[in-house]
Structures are given as C-alpha cells and as structure tokens.
Protein backbone atom coordinates (compact mmCIF):
# COMPACT_ATOMS: atom_id res chain seq x y z
CA MET A 1 14.72 3.49 -19.72
CA LYS A 2 13.90 0.40 -17.65
CA LYS A 3 14.65 -3.08 -18.98
CA LYS A 4 11.53 -4.96 -20.03
CA ASN A 5 13.16 -8.26 -20.91
CA GLU A 6 13.14 -9.80 -17.43
CA ASN A 7 11.04 -12.93 -17.43
CA PHE A 8 8.36 -12.85 -14.71
CA LEU A 9 8.45 -16.65 -14.50
CA GLU A 10 12.06 -16.54 -13.29
CA PHE A 11 11.24 -14.59 -10.12
CA VAL A 12 11.22 -16.46 -6.81
CA PRO A 13 8.28 -15.74 -4.49
CA VAL A 14 9.11 -15.57 -0.77
CA ARG A 15 6.36 -15.63 1.87
CA SER A 16 6.01 -12.65 4.19
CA GLU A 17 6.70 -13.27 7.87
CA LYS A 18 3.57 -11.21 8.60
CA VAL A 19 1.32 -13.95 7.22
CA ASP A 20 0.66 -17.19 9.09
CA TRP A 21 -1.14 -20.09 7.50
CA GLU A 22 -2.70 -23.41 8.31
CA ILE A 23 -4.32 -26.24 6.43
CA LYS A 24 -8.05 -26.73 6.97
CA GLY A 25 -9.38 -29.80 5.24
CA GLU A 26 -7.50 -29.86 1.97
CA ASN A 27 -7.03 -26.12 1.53
CA VAL A 28 -4.82 -23.41 3.00
CA VAL A 29 -6.13 -20.59 5.17
CA LEU A 30 -3.96 -17.47 5.33
CA ILE A 31 -4.00 -15.61 8.65
CA VAL A 32 -3.11 -11.92 8.55
CA TYR A 33 -2.73 -10.16 11.88
CA ARG A 34 -3.79 -6.54 12.00
CA ASN A 35 -1.44 -5.11 14.59
CA SER A 36 0.06 -1.99 13.04
CA PHE A 37 -0.62 1.31 14.77
CA ILE A 38 -3.32 2.23 12.24
CA ASP A 39 -4.92 -1.22 12.51
CA LYS A 40 -5.08 -0.86 16.29
CA LEU A 41 -6.67 2.57 15.96
CA VAL A 42 -9.25 1.31 13.48
CA ARG A 43 -9.97 -1.69 15.73
CA ARG A 44 -10.55 0.58 18.70
CA PHE A 45 -13.08 2.80 16.91
CA PHE A 46 -14.76 0.39 14.53
CA ASN A 47 -14.50 -2.92 16.37
CA THR A 48 -12.70 -4.70 13.50
CA PRO A 49 -11.17 -8.14 14.03
CA GLU A 50 -7.59 -8.55 15.26
CA LYS A 51 -6.85 -10.93 12.41
CA MET A 52 -8.16 -11.58 8.95
CA THR A 53 -8.43 -15.05 7.44
CA ILE A 54 -8.41 -15.83 3.73
CA ASP A 55 -9.52 -19.23 2.48
CA LEU A 56 -7.63 -20.31 -0.62
CA ASP A 57 -9.08 -22.63 -3.23
CA GLU A 58 -7.32 -25.75 -4.49
CA ILE A 59 -5.09 -23.88 -6.95
CA GLY A 60 -4.24 -21.10 -4.47
CA SER A 61 -3.48 -23.68 -1.79
CA THR A 62 -1.20 -25.62 -4.12
CA VAL A 63 0.64 -22.44 -5.11
CA TRP A 64 1.00 -21.25 -1.50
CA GLN A 65 2.43 -24.59 -0.36
CA ALA A 66 4.84 -24.63 -3.32
CA ILE A 67 6.26 -21.22 -2.37
CA ASP A 68 9.42 -22.12 -0.49
CA GLY A 69 11.73 -19.21 -1.29
CA LYS A 70 13.73 -21.39 -3.70
CA ARG A 71 11.34 -22.29 -6.53
CA ASN A 72 10.68 -19.74 -9.24
CA ILE A 73 7.23 -19.05 -10.65
CA TYR A 74 7.79 -21.38 -13.61
CA GLU A 75 8.72 -24.26 -11.28
CA ILE A 76 5.61 -23.56 -9.19
CA SER A 77 3.50 -23.64 -12.37
CA GLN A 78 4.82 -27.14 -13.09
CA ILE A 79 3.82 -28.31 -9.60
CA VAL A 80 0.31 -26.91 -10.11
CA LYS A 81 0.11 -28.55 -13.57
CA MET A 82 1.19 -31.92 -12.14
CA LYS A 83 -1.22 -31.80 -9.17
CA ILE A 84 -4.30 -30.19 -10.72
CA GLY A 85 -3.92 -30.78 -14.46
CA LYS A 86 -6.42 -29.32 -16.92
CA ASN A 87 -8.58 -27.84 -14.15
CA ALA A 88 -5.84 -25.23 -13.61
CA GLU A 89 -6.03 -23.92 -17.20
CA PRO A 90 -5.33 -21.25 -18.34
CA LEU A 91 -2.52 -21.99 -15.89
CA LEU A 92 0.05 -19.24 -16.50
CA GLU A 93 -2.53 -16.44 -16.70
CA ARG A 94 -4.19 -17.58 -13.47
CA LEU A 95 -0.86 -18.12 -11.71
CA ILE A 96 0.53 -14.72 -12.69
CA THR A 97 -2.67 -13.00 -11.57
CA PHE A 98 -2.61 -14.84 -8.22
CA ILE A 99 1.10 -14.12 -7.64
CA ASN A 100 0.47 -10.43 -8.36
CA ILE A 101 -2.43 -10.36 -5.88
CA LEU A 102 -0.22 -11.95 -3.21
CA LYS A 103 2.56 -9.44 -3.98
CA ASN A 104 0.24 -6.40 -4.02
CA ASN A 105 -1.11 -7.38 -0.59
CA ASP A 106 2.43 -7.86 0.80
CA PHE A 107 1.82 -11.57 1.40
CA ILE A 108 4.94 -12.36 -0.66
CA LYS A 109 8.02 -10.65 -2.10
CA LEU A 110 9.44 -11.48 -5.51
CA LEU A 111 13.19 -11.94 -5.72
CA LYS A 112 15.44 -12.46 -8.71
CA LYS A 113 16.87 -15.95 -8.81
CA LYS A 114 20.61 -15.83 -8.39
CA GLY A 115 22.12 -17.63 -11.29
C-alpha cells in the first residue's frame, strides 16, 4: 500500500526546460514549442502553430515567477499571500489546482525537498 502521509505543500516545483516564458506588461506568458515528431506531423497536415502561448493571470504569474527549483509549494503560497493578499483566496485550493495543471501539462516537475 502506498503512503498517503506525504504533504503536497512540501514538494518543490521545478520548471520544465521545454517551456520558455516572458513577461508582457505585468503578467507572464508561457511559450510552449510544438516540435516533437507528432507535433510536426500534425502541423504539416492541419497547419497548426509551431508554438503555443499561454497568458497567465496575476496569481499564475506570481506563482510561475516564484518557482525557482528551491522553494516548496508552501513557501510559494506565502509569496502569493504577501503579494496579492485576500484577492488570492481561497489561496491553497487555487494554488494546488494550478500546480496540478502545470504538472499534468509537463510544464513543471514536483520533487521531494531533501531534508
């Protein structure tokens, strides 16, 4: 049976090297290049773009910029709380959902913090 007592907030998100990003105005734009074999095939037949851009909102931008490969999810939540305050509430629920979306799309990996 798998252990269930690991605290999600202790994991450290690490950005994928496959995702570039830039700051436009005050928010982050993620840039995902579609250059796998399948992506190239799909592009050839369906004229899809070579890259995909994703505009993050204020909270997403704050989270993305706080991901440095050293801070855990709890520490990132404190940065968001400090910068955005009550507008980020319900903070932990929103943060966990966003982190899971990033992970499920391979934009980040989650590592255990070495203690």
